[in-house]
Amino acid sequence: MINTHETNPTHPTAPARLSLRVRRDNPFHHLWENNGTWWVHFTEHLPDFTKHRVRRSLGTKDPAEAIRRRDALFTAAARAA
């Protein structure tokens, strides 16, 4: 579905580290809707102290499904770290 283990295009060999904030009071944190489609956004921090802002379509118009896909993406990223 979504590749969370990509390298930064500017630094193709540097592994990325995600920077995530969990906000239980806002279930749509890291999500936004654009023309009916839900997207996720987050920041990867690189070892050279640069950062890469990532935006990905979640490929759904359903807000509940967008939350599930975002959570699955972040869970997979946390396990890989």
PDB file of N, CA and C in Angstrom:
ATOM      1  N   MET A   1       0.831  -1.190   0.000  1.00  0.00           N
ATOM      2  CA  MET A   1       0.000   0.000   0.000  1.00  0.00           C
ATOM      3  C   MET A   1       0.872   1.250   0.000  1.00  0.00           C
ATOM      4  N   ILE A   2       1.553   1.543   1.100  1.00  0.00           N
ATOM      5  CA  ILE A   2       2.369   2.747   1.193  1.00  0.00           C
ATOM      6  C   ILE A   2       3.771   2.348   1.624  1.00  0.00           C
ATOM      7  N   ASN A   3       4.770   2.781   0.901  1.00  0.00           N
ATOM      8  CA  ASN A   3       6.151   2.469   1.231  1.00  0.00           C
ATOM      9  C   ASN A   3       6.657   3.458   2.271  1.00  0.00           C
ATOM     10  N   THR A   4       6.957   2.966   3.471  1.00  0.00           N
ATOM     11  CA  THR A   4       7.446   3.848   4.531  1.00  0.00           C
ATOM     12  C   THR A   4       8.957   3.811   4.656  1.00  0.00           C
ATOM     13  N   HIS A   5       9.604   2.924   3.908  1.00  0.00           N
ATOM     14  CA  HIS A   5      11.048   2.755   4.023  1.00  0.00           C
ATOM     15  C   HIS A   5      11.750   3.269   2.787  1.00  0.00           C
ATOM     16  N   GLU A   6      11.527   4.485   2.461  1.00  0.00           N
ATOM     17  CA  GLU A   6      12.221   5.035   1.314  1.00  0.00           C
ATOM     18  C   GLU A   6      13.307   5.979   1.787  1.00  0.00           C
ATOM     19  N   THR A   7      14.266   6.196   0.937  1.00  0.00           N
ATOM     20  CA  THR A   7      15.326   7.126   1.283  1.00  0.00           C
ATOM     21  C   THR A   7      14.961   8.496   0.756  1.00  0.00           C
ATOM     22  N   ASN A   8      15.584   9.477   1.325  1.00  0.00           N
ATOM     23  CA  ASN A   8      15.365  10.847   0.895  1.00  0.00           C
ATOM     24  C   ASN A   8      15.966  11.023  -0.485  1.00  0.00           C
ATOM     25  N   PRO A   9      15.239  11.612  -1.448  1.00  0.00           N
ATOM     26  CA  PRO A   9      15.785  11.778  -2.796  1.00  0.00           C
ATOM     27  C   PRO A   9      17.057  12.619  -2.832  1.00  0.00           C
ATOM     28  N   THR A  10      17.234  13.511  -1.868  1.00  0.00           N
ATOM     29  CA  THR A  10      18.440  14.325  -1.830  1.00  0.00           C
ATOM     30  C   THR A  10      19.610  13.554  -1.234  1.00  0.00           C
ATOM     31  N   HIS A  11      19.301  12.596  -0.368  1.00  0.00           N
ATOM     32  CA  HIS A  11      20.314  11.784   0.311  1.00  0.00           C
ATOM     33  C   HIS A  11      19.942  10.312   0.151  1.00  0.00           C
ATOM     34  N   PRO A  12      20.171   9.712  -1.028  1.00  0.00           N
ATOM     35  CA  PRO A  12      19.653   8.374  -1.303  1.00  0.00           C
ATOM     36  C   PRO A  12      20.179   7.267  -0.398  1.00  0.00           C
ATOM     37  N   THR A  13      21.282   7.460   0.310  1.00  0.00           N
ATOM     38  CA  THR A  13      21.795   6.389   1.162  1.00  0.00           C
ATOM     39  C   THR A  13      21.487   6.594   2.635  1.00  0.00           C
ATOM     40  N   ALA A  14      20.946   7.729   2.995  1.00  0.00           N
ATOM     41  CA  ALA A  14      20.686   8.025   4.407  1.00  0.00           C
ATOM     42  C   ALA A  14      19.356   7.424   4.841  1.00  0.00           C
ATOM     43  N   PRO A  15      19.358   6.605   5.905  1.00  0.00           N
ATOM     44  CA  PRO A  15      18.080   6.083   6.402  1.00  0.00           C
ATOM     45  C   PRO A  15      17.286   7.194   7.079  1.00  0.00           C
ATOM     46  N   ALA A  16      15.982   7.147   6.925  1.00  0.00           N
ATOM     47  CA  ALA A  16      15.122   8.184   7.494  1.00  0.00           C
ATOM     48  C   ALA A  16      14.555   7.722   8.828  1.00  0.00           C
ATOM     49  N   ARG A  17      14.264   8.673   9.699  1.00  0.00           N
ATOM     50  CA  ARG A  17      13.622   8.423  10.982  1.00  0.00           C
ATOM     51  C   ARG A  17      12.369   9.286  11.024  1.00  0.00           C
ATOM     52  N   LEU A  18      11.237   8.672  11.303  1.00  0.00           N
ATOM     53  CA  LEU A  18       9.985   9.414  11.336  1.00  0.00           C
ATOM     54  C   LEU A  18       9.865  10.245  12.601  1.00  0.00           C
ATOM     55  N   SER A  19       9.230  11.390  12.456  1.00  0.00           N
ATOM     56  CA  SER A  19       8.901  12.225  13.601  1.00  0.00           C
ATOM     57  C   SER A  19       7.381  12.304  13.681  1.00  0.00           C
ATOM     58  N   LEU A  20       6.797  11.626  14.670  1.00  0.00           N
ATOM     59  CA  LEU A  20       5.349  11.546  14.780  1.00  0.00           C
ATOM     60  C   LEU A  20       4.893  12.071  16.126  1.00  0.00           C
ATOM     61  N   ARG A  21       3.820  12.814  16.102  1.00  0.00           N
ATOM     62  CA  ARG A  21       3.168  13.252  17.330  1.00  0.00           C
ATOM     63  C   ARG A  21       1.798  12.600  17.369  1.00  0.00           C
ATOM     64  N   VAL A  22       1.499  11.962  18.457  1.00  0.00           N
ATOM     65  CA  VAL A  22       0.205  11.303  18.609  1.00  0.00           C
ATOM     66  C   VAL A  22      -0.691  12.216  19.426  1.00  0.00           C
ATOM     67  N   ARG A  23      -1.828  12.566  18.846  1.00  0.00           N
ATOM     68  CA  ARG A  23      -2.784  13.445  19.525  1.00  0.00           C
ATOM     69  C   ARG A  23      -4.097  12.686  19.680  1.00  0.00           C
ATOM     70  N   ARG A  24      -4.321  12.159  20.849  1.00  0.00           N
ATOM     71  CA  ARG A  24      -5.539  11.373  21.077  1.00  0.00           C
ATOM     72  C   ARG A  24      -6.798  12.245  21.014  1.00  0.00           C
ATOM     73  N   ASP A  25      -6.656  13.533  21.269  1.00  0.00           N
ATOM     74  CA  ASP A  25      -7.811  14.424  21.230  1.00  0.00           C
ATOM     75  C   ASP A  25      -8.161  14.850  19.807  1.00  0.00           C
ATOM     76  N   ASN A  26      -7.338  14.501  18.830  1.00  0.00           N
ATOM     77  CA  ASN A  26      -7.594  14.859  17.436  1.00  0.00           C
ATOM     78  C   ASN A  26      -7.363  13.636  16.555  1.00  0.00           C
ATOM     79  N   PRO A  27      -8.412  12.863  16.264  1.00  0.00           N
ATOM     80  CA  PRO A  27      -8.233  11.638  15.475  1.00  0.00           C
ATOM     81  C   PRO A  27      -7.775  11.897  14.041  1.00  0.00           C
ATOM     82  N   PHE A  28      -7.844  13.136  13.581  1.00  0.00           N
ATOM     83  CA  PHE A  28      -7.436  13.451  12.209  1.00  0.00           C
ATOM     84  C   PHE A  28      -6.040  14.069  12.134  1.00  0.00           C
ATOM     85  N   HIS A  29      -5.289  13.996  13.238  1.00  0.00           N
ATOM     86  CA  HIS A  29      -3.925  14.524  13.222  1.00  0.00           C
ATOM     87  C   HIS A  29      -3.114  13.780  12.162  1.00  0.00           C
ATOM     88  N   HIS A  30      -2.323  14.490  11.394  1.00  0.00           N
ATOM     89  CA  HIS A  30      -1.532  13.984  10.271  1.00  0.00           C
ATOM     90  C   HIS A  30      -2.380  13.717   9.027  1.00  0.00           C
ATOM     91  N   LEU A  31      -3.672  14.025   9.060  1.00  0.00           N
ATOM     92  CA  LEU A  31      -4.547  13.769   7.913  1.00  0.00           C
ATOM     93  C   LEU A  31      -5.134  15.069   7.393  1.00  0.00           C
ATOM     94  N   TRP A  32      -5.359  15.117   6.087  1.00  0.00           N
ATOM     95  CA  TRP A  32      -6.150  16.199   5.524  1.00  0.00           C
ATOM     96  C   TRP A  32      -6.856  15.691   4.279  1.00  0.00           C
ATOM     97  N   GLU A  33      -7.957  16.362   3.954  1.00  0.00           N
ATOM     98  CA  GLU A  33      -8.782  15.983   2.813  1.00  0.00           C
ATOM     99  C   GLU A  33      -8.553  16.982   1.685  1.00  0.00           C
ATOM    100  N   ASN A  34      -8.322  16.456   0.498  1.00  0.00           N
ATOM    101  CA  ASN A  34      -8.120  17.298  -0.676  1.00  0.00           C
ATOM    102  C   ASN A  34      -9.007  16.770  -1.800  1.00  0.00           C
ATOM    103  N   ASN A  35     -10.013  17.546  -2.174  1.00  0.00           N
ATOM    104  CA  ASN A  35     -10.962  17.139  -3.217  1.00  0.00           C
ATOM    105  C   ASN A  35     -11.600  15.786  -2.930  1.00  0.00           C
ATOM    106  N   GLY A  36     -11.891  15.515  -1.672  1.00  0.00           N
ATOM    107  CA  GLY A  36     -12.581  14.290  -1.297  1.00  0.00           C
ATOM    108  C   GLY A  36     -11.669  13.121  -0.973  1.00  0.00           C
ATOM    109  N   THR A  37     -10.391  13.209  -1.292  1.00  0.00           N
ATOM    110  CA  THR A  37      -9.446  12.125  -1.012  1.00  0.00           C
ATOM    111  C   THR A  37      -8.623  12.483   0.214  1.00  0.00           C
ATOM    112  N   TRP A  38      -8.427  11.507   1.101  1.00  0.00           N
ATOM    113  CA  TRP A  38      -7.660  11.730   2.324  1.00  0.00           C
ATOM    114  C   TRP A  38      -6.181  11.493   2.085  1.00  0.00           C
ATOM    115  N   TRP A  39      -5.365  12.342   2.691  1.00  0.00           N
ATOM    116  CA  TRP A  39      -3.907  12.299   2.584  1.00  0.00           C
ATOM    117  C   TRP A  39      -3.304  12.259   3.977  1.00  0.00           C
ATOM    118  N   VAL A  40      -2.093  11.733   4.078  1.00  0.00           N
ATOM    119  CA  VAL A  40      -1.335  11.725   5.324  1.00  0.00           C
ATOM    120  C   VAL A  40      -0.064  12.539   5.108  1.00  0.00           C
ATOM    121  N   HIS A  41       0.384  13.206   6.144  1.00  0.00           N
ATOM    122  CA  HIS A  41       1.647  13.947   6.057  1.00  0.00           C
ATOM    123  C   HIS A  41       2.429  13.754   7.347  1.00  0.00           C
ATOM    124  N   PHE A  42       3.739  13.671   7.208  1.00  0.00           N
ATOM    125  CA  PHE A  42       4.630  13.509   8.351  1.00  0.00           C
ATOM    126  C   PHE A  42       6.028  13.938   7.936  1.00  0.00           C
ATOM    127  N   THR A  43       6.944  13.968   8.896  1.00  0.00           N
ATOM    128  CA  THR A  43       8.310  14.419   8.643  1.00  0.00           C
ATOM    129  C   THR A  43       9.293  13.306   8.961  1.00  0.00           C
ATOM    130  N   GLU A  44      10.242  13.089   8.062  1.00  0.00           N
ATOM    131  CA  GLU A  44      11.345  12.157   8.289  1.00  0.00           C
ATOM    132  C   GLU A  44      12.582  12.981   8.635  1.00  0.00           C
ATOM    133  N   HIS A  45      13.268  12.605   9.702  1.00  0.00           N
ATOM    134  CA  HIS A  45      14.513  13.272  10.087  1.00  0.00           C
ATOM    135  C   HIS A  45      15.679  12.397   9.663  1.00  0.00           C
ATOM    136  N   LEU A  46      16.653  12.991   8.996  1.00  0.00           N
ATOM    137  CA  LEU A  46      17.794  12.260   8.462  1.00  0.00           C
ATOM    138  C   LEU A  46      19.024  12.444   9.339  1.00  0.00           C
ATOM    139  N   PRO A  47      19.966  11.501   9.259  1.00  0.00           N
ATOM    140  CA  PRO A  47      21.167  11.575  10.108  1.00  0.00           C
ATOM    141  C   PRO A  47      21.997  12.836   9.897  1.00  0.00           C
ATOM    142  N   ASP A  48      21.879  13.467   8.735  1.00  0.00           N
ATOM    143  CA  ASP A  48      22.666  14.686   8.487  1.00  0.00           C
ATOM    144  C   ASP A  48      21.939  15.941   8.978  1.00  0.00           C
ATOM    145  N   PHE A  49      20.942  15.751   9.844  1.00  0.00           N
ATOM    146  CA  PHE A  49      20.182  16.835  10.478  1.00  0.00           C
ATOM    147  C   PHE A  49      19.304  17.616   9.504  1.00  0.00           C
ATOM    148  N   THR A  50      18.998  17.031   8.362  1.00  0.00           N
ATOM    149  CA  THR A  50      18.006  17.614   7.467  1.00  0.00           C
ATOM    150  C   THR A  50      16.697  16.865   7.681  1.00  0.00           C
ATOM    151  N   LYS A  51      15.636  17.386   7.119  1.00  0.00           N
ATOM    152  CA  LYS A  51      14.356  16.704   7.226  1.00  0.00           C
ATOM    153  C   LYS A  51      13.670  16.667   5.874  1.00  0.00           C
ATOM    154  N   HIS A  52      12.792  15.709   5.739  1.00  0.00           N
ATOM    155  CA  HIS A  52      12.075  15.485   4.491  1.00  0.00           C
ATOM    156  C   HIS A  52      10.593  15.386   4.826  1.00  0.00           C
ATOM    157  N   ARG A  53       9.800  16.304   4.285  1.00  0.00           N
ATOM    158  CA  ARG A  53       8.364  16.289   4.532  1.00  0.00           C
ATOM    159  C   ARG A  53       7.704  15.349   3.537  1.00  0.00           C
ATOM    160  N   VAL A  54       6.920  14.420   4.045  1.00  0.00           N
ATOM    161  CA  VAL A  54       6.293  13.387   3.224  1.00  0.00           C
ATOM    162  C   VAL A  54       4.791  13.614   3.201  1.00  0.00           C
ATOM    163  N   ARG A  55       4.226  13.544   2.023  1.00  0.00           N
ATOM    164  CA  ARG A  55       2.783  13.607   1.837  1.00  0.00           C
ATOM    165  C   ARG A  55       2.388  12.469   0.920  1.00  0.00           C
ATOM    166  N   ARG A  56       1.402  11.665   1.355  1.00  0.00           N
ATOM    167  CA  ARG A  56       0.967  10.514   0.580  1.00  0.00           C
ATOM    168  C   ARG A  56      -0.552  10.452   0.544  1.00  0.00           C
ATOM    169  N   SER A  57      -1.084  10.116  -0.609  1.00  0.00           N
ATOM    170  CA  SER A  57      -2.510   9.863  -0.712  1.00  0.00           C
ATOM    171  C   SER A  57      -2.816   8.535  -0.035  1.00  0.00           C
ATOM    172  N   LEU A  58      -3.893   8.500   0.722  1.00  0.00           N
ATOM    173  CA  LEU A  58      -4.338   7.254   1.332  1.00  0.00           C
ATOM    174  C   LEU A  58      -5.325   6.526   0.433  1.00  0.00           C
ATOM    175  N   GLY A  59      -5.672   7.131  -0.679  1.00  0.00           N
ATOM    176  CA  GLY A  59      -6.500   6.466  -1.684  1.00  0.00           C
ATOM    177  C   GLY A  59      -7.904   6.125  -1.228  1.00  0.00           C
ATOM    178  N   THR A  60      -8.457   6.933  -0.344  1.00  0.00           N
ATOM    179  CA  THR A  60      -9.814   6.674   0.122  1.00  0.00           C
ATOM    180  C   THR A  60     -10.551   7.991   0.332  1.00  0.00           C
ATOM    181  N   LYS A  61     -11.857   7.919   0.206  1.00  0.00           N
ATOM    182  CA  LYS A  61     -12.705   9.073   0.487  1.00  0.00           C
ATOM    183  C   LYS A  61     -13.395   8.926   1.846  1.00  0.00           C
ATOM    184  N   ASP A  62     -13.217   7.771   2.471  1.00  0.00           N
ATOM    185  CA  ASP A  62     -13.850   7.462   3.752  1.00  0.00           C
ATOM    186  C   ASP A  62     -12.934   7.882   4.907  1.00  0.00           C
ATOM    187  N   PRO A  63     -13.380   8.807   5.760  1.00  0.00           N
ATOM    188  CA  PRO A  63     -12.520   9.270   6.853  1.00  0.00           C
ATOM    189  C   PRO A  63     -12.119   8.154   7.826  1.00  0.00           C
ATOM    190  N   ALA A  64     -13.018   7.234   8.124  1.00  0.00           N
ATOM    191  CA  ALA A  64     -12.677   6.135   9.041  1.00  0.00           C
ATOM    192  C   ALA A  64     -11.604   5.239   8.430  1.00  0.00           C
ATOM    193  N   GLU A  65     -11.697   4.974   7.139  1.00  0.00           N
ATOM    194  CA  GLU A  65     -10.681   4.171   6.452  1.00  0.00           C
ATOM    195  C   GLU A  65      -9.352   4.922   6.398  1.00  0.00           C
ATOM    196  N   ALA A  66      -9.394   6.228   6.232  1.00  0.00           N
ATOM    197  CA  ALA A  66      -8.163   7.032   6.224  1.00  0.00           C
ATOM    198  C   ALA A  66      -7.449   6.922   7.571  1.00  0.00           C
ATOM    199  N   ILE A  67      -8.201   6.964   8.655  1.00  0.00           N
ATOM    200  CA  ILE A  67      -7.609   6.820   9.988  1.00  0.00           C
ATOM    201  C   ILE A  67      -6.975   5.443  10.133  1.00  0.00           C
ATOM    202  N   ARG A  68      -7.668   4.395   9.679  1.00  0.00           N
ATOM    203  CA  ARG A  68      -7.112   3.036   9.758  1.00  0.00           C
ATOM    204  C   ARG A  68      -5.828   2.915   8.948  1.00  0.00           C
ATOM    205  N   ARG A  69      -5.821   3.479   7.738  1.00  0.00           N
ATOM    206  CA  ARG A  69      -4.630   3.394   6.889  1.00  0.00           C
ATOM    207  C   ARG A  69      -3.465   4.197   7.465  1.00  0.00           C
ATOM    208  N   ARG A  70      -3.755   5.366   8.026  1.00  0.00           N
ATOM    209  CA  ARG A  70      -2.701   6.156   8.682  1.00  0.00           C
ATOM    210  C   ARG A  70      -2.117   5.389   9.857  1.00  0.00           C
ATOM    211  N   ASP A  71      -2.987   4.807  10.680  1.00  0.00           N
ATOM    212  CA  ASP A  71      -2.515   4.055  11.842  1.00  0.00           C
ATOM    213  C   ASP A  71      -1.686   2.847  11.421  1.00  0.00           C
ATOM    214  N   ALA A  72      -2.099   2.162  10.359  1.00  0.00           N
ATOM    215  CA  ALA A  72      -1.335   1.011   9.858  1.00  0.00           C
ATOM    216  C   ALA A  72       0.027   1.456   9.344  1.00  0.00           C
ATOM    217  N   LEU A  73       0.068   2.576   8.664  1.00  0.00           N
ATOM    218  CA  LEU A  73       1.333   3.116   8.157  1.00  0.00           C
ATOM    219  C   LEU A  73       2.282   3.431   9.309  1.00  0.00           C
ATOM    220  N   PHE A  74       1.787   4.105  10.333  1.00  0.00           N
ATOM    221  CA  PHE A  74       2.633   4.483  11.462  1.00  0.00           C
ATOM    222  C   PHE A  74       3.033   3.268  12.299  1.00  0.00           C
ATOM    223  N   THR A  75       2.149   2.285  12.431  1.00  0.00           N
ATOM    224  CA  THR A  75       2.491   1.059  13.159  1.00  0.00           C
ATOM    225  C   THR A  75       3.609   0.312  12.450  1.00  0.00           C
ATOM    226  N   ALA A  76       3.510   0.207  11.132  1.00  0.00           N
ATOM    227  CA  ALA A  76       4.559  -0.465  10.356  1.00  0.00           C
ATOM    228  C   ALA A  76       5.880   0.283  10.471  1.00  0.00           C
ATOM    229  N   ALA A  77       5.833   1.589  10.455  1.00  0.00           N
ATOM    230  CA  ALA A  77       7.053   2.388  10.566  1.00  0.00           C
ATOM    231  C   ALA A  77       7.687   2.229  11.946  1.00  0.00           C
ATOM    232  N   ALA A  78       6.864   2.159  12.991  1.00  0.00           N
ATOM    233  CA  ALA A  78       7.392   1.995  14.349  1.00  0.00           C
ATOM    234  C   ALA A  78       8.049   0.630  14.519  1.00  0.00           C
ATOM    235  N   ARG A  79       7.473  -0.396  13.908  1.00  0.00           N
ATOM    236  CA  ARG A  79       8.060  -1.741  13.996  1.00  0.00           C
ATOM    237  C   ARG A  79       9.389  -1.818  13.257  1.00  0.00           C
ATOM    238  N   ALA A  80       9.506  -1.071  12.182  1.00  0.00           N
ATOM    239  CA  ALA A  80      10.729  -1.103  11.373  1.00  0.00           C
ATOM    240  C   ALA A  80      11.865  -0.335  12.041  1.00  0.00           C
ATOM    241  N   ALA A  81      11.522   0.565  12.940  1.00  0.00           N
ATOM    242  CA  ALA A  81      12.548   1.415  13.571  1.00  0.00           C
ATOM    243  C   ALA A  81      13.366   0.675  14.598  1.00  0.00           C
TER     244      ALA A  81
END
